[in-house]
Amino acid sequence: QVQLVESGGGLVQPGGSLRLSCADSEFTLENYKIGWFRQAPGKEREGVSCISASGGSVYYADSVQGRFAISRDDAKNTVYLEMYMLEPEDTAVYYCAAVSRNIGSAQSLCVTGRATYWGHGTQVTVSS
């Protein structure tokens, strides 16, 4: 069974950068679309960015367009979320999630949140 593990969260000042990683030590992720989601206290979960199994299709929420970049390295069985120009509003728990490559699109994964597997999340705090 796919077991996603997020890492790379932490405390960063406004304007700073972080790179989040999503990996699975046992199951290959190359057959899955992967998405990054976030949830802040008192707010609904938001699909931040999603990538197709091939890596050829990506989706970004308007709130992060131009500041975040998603990528995947199948040789390392890892999906990354590079976050730049971080703002206090980016503070949240960030989760990665996976769904089969045969179901929907990267955009649909982010918009619907209908993933099969979820990680436990990593906290990102943007504060001075």
Protein backbone atom coordinates (compact mmCIF):
# COMPACT_ATOMS: atom_id res chain seq x y z
CA GLN A 1 0.00 0.00 0.00
CA VAL A 2 1.16 3.49 -0.81
CA GLN A 3 2.40 5.32 2.27
CA LEU A 4 3.22 8.92 1.56
CA VAL A 5 5.61 10.82 3.81
CA GLU A 6 6.01 14.58 3.62
CA SER A 7 9.10 16.43 4.77
CA GLY A 8 10.70 19.85 4.49
CA GLY A 9 8.27 21.98 6.44
CA GLY A 10 9.35 24.49 9.03
CA LEU A 11 9.41 28.12 10.09
CA VAL A 12 10.41 30.69 7.49
CA GLN A 13 10.28 34.46 7.31
CA PRO A 14 8.00 36.24 4.83
CA GLY A 15 9.67 36.32 1.44
CA GLY A 16 11.59 33.15 2.18
CA SER A 17 11.59 29.77 0.47
CA LEU A 18 11.06 26.14 1.35
CA ARG A 19 11.10 22.88 -0.53
CA LEU A 20 8.67 20.16 0.48
CA SER A 21 9.17 16.54 -0.46
CA CYS A 22 6.67 13.71 -0.77
CA ALA A 23 8.08 10.20 -0.93
CA ASP A 24 7.18 6.55 -0.49
CA SER A 25 9.91 4.15 0.59
CA GLU A 26 8.25 0.99 -0.69
CA PHE A 27 5.84 1.66 -3.54
CA THR A 28 6.68 3.40 -6.76
CA LEU A 29 4.83 6.64 -7.32
CA GLU A 30 5.31 6.70 -11.09
CA ASN A 31 1.80 5.33 -11.68
CA TYR A 32 0.12 8.05 -9.65
CA LYS A 33 -0.90 11.64 -9.99
CA ILE A 34 0.39 13.50 -6.96
CA GLY A 35 -1.06 16.58 -5.39
CA TRP A 36 -0.10 19.02 -2.67
CA PHE A 37 -2.89 20.29 -0.46
CA ARG A 38 -2.89 22.58 2.53
CA GLN A 39 -5.18 23.34 5.40
CA ALA A 40 -4.91 26.28 7.76
CA PRO A 41 -6.77 26.45 11.08
CA GLY A 42 -10.39 27.33 10.51
CA LYS A 43 -10.12 27.10 6.75
CA GLU A 44 -11.10 24.52 4.17
CA ARG A 45 -8.51 22.30 2.59
CA GLU A 46 -7.08 23.79 -0.60
CA GLY A 47 -5.54 22.00 -3.56
CA VAL A 48 -2.28 23.90 -4.04
CA SER A 49 -0.60 22.11 -6.90
CA CYS A 50 -0.93 18.79 -8.67
CA ILE A 51 1.13 16.90 -11.24
CA SER A 52 0.27 14.14 -13.64
CA ALA A 53 1.97 10.75 -13.56
CA SER A 54 4.07 11.66 -16.60
CA GLY A 55 4.91 15.07 -15.20
CA GLY A 56 3.64 16.64 -18.39
CA SER A 57 0.60 18.29 -16.84
CA VAL A 58 0.62 20.49 -13.78
CA TYR A 59 -1.96 22.62 -12.02
CA TYR A 60 -1.57 25.51 -9.61
CA ALA A 61 -4.12 27.27 -7.49
CA ASP A 62 -4.42 30.97 -8.25
CA SER A 63 -3.14 31.76 -4.78
CA VAL A 64 0.27 30.22 -5.51
CA GLN A 65 0.62 30.65 -9.26
CA GLY A 66 4.03 32.09 -10.04
CA ARG A 67 5.40 31.43 -6.55
CA PHE A 68 5.26 27.62 -6.22
CA ALA A 69 6.67 24.95 -8.52
CA ILE A 70 5.82 21.24 -8.47
CA SER A 71 8.08 18.58 -9.94
CA ARG A 72 8.69 14.89 -9.70
CA ASP A 73 11.80 12.74 -9.77
CA ASP A 74 10.73 9.18 -10.40
CA ALA A 75 14.29 7.92 -9.98
CA LYS A 76 14.08 9.13 -6.38
CA ASN A 77 10.39 8.25 -6.08
CA THR A 78 9.78 11.76 -4.83
CA VAL A 79 7.55 14.71 -5.68
CA TYR A 80 8.68 18.19 -4.72
CA LEU A 81 6.93 21.46 -4.04
CA GLU A 82 9.27 24.43 -4.28
CA MET A 83 7.78 27.43 -2.51
CA TYR A 84 9.14 30.92 -3.06
CA MET A 85 8.14 34.41 -1.87
CA LEU A 86 6.27 32.85 1.02
CA GLU A 87 3.60 34.89 2.71
CA PRO A 88 1.99 34.57 6.16
CA GLU A 89 -1.14 33.40 4.33
CA ASP A 90 0.78 30.32 3.19
CA THR A 91 0.94 29.09 6.78
CA ALA A 92 -0.78 25.70 6.95
CA VAL A 93 -0.27 21.98 7.24
CA TYR A 94 0.75 20.72 3.82
CA TYR A 95 -0.28 17.26 2.70
CA CYS A 96 0.59 15.23 -0.35
CA ALA A 97 -1.91 12.86 -1.88
CA ALA A 98 -1.97 10.30 -4.66
CA VAL A 99 -4.49 8.94 -7.12
CA SER A 100 -4.08 6.46 -9.95
CA ARG A 101 -2.80 7.87 -13.23
CA ASN A 102 -5.96 6.52 -14.89
CA ILE A 103 -8.33 8.66 -12.86
CA GLY A 104 -9.03 12.21 -13.89
CA SER A 105 -6.44 14.90 -14.46
CA ALA A 106 -3.96 16.85 -12.38
CA GLN A 107 -6.46 19.70 -12.27
CA SER A 108 -9.32 17.47 -11.20
CA LEU A 109 -7.22 16.03 -8.38
CA CYS A 110 -6.50 19.49 -7.03
CA VAL A 111 -10.03 20.81 -7.49
CA THR A 112 -11.89 17.81 -6.08
CA GLY A 113 -9.35 16.49 -3.58
CA ARG A 114 -10.44 12.97 -4.50
CA ALA A 115 -7.24 11.13 -3.74
CA THR A 116 -6.78 7.52 -2.74
CA TYR A 117 -3.78 7.98 -0.46
CA TRP A 118 -2.80 10.81 1.88
CA GLY A 119 0.26 11.60 3.88
CA HIS A 120 0.19 12.85 7.47
CA GLY A 121 1.28 16.37 6.62
CA THR A 122 4.10 18.77 7.38
CA GLN A 123 3.69 22.15 9.05
CA VAL A 124 4.74 25.30 7.22
CA THR A 125 4.77 28.51 9.23
CA VAL A 126 5.56 31.85 7.62
CA SER A 127 6.22 34.45 10.27
CA SER A 128 8.68 37.13 11.22
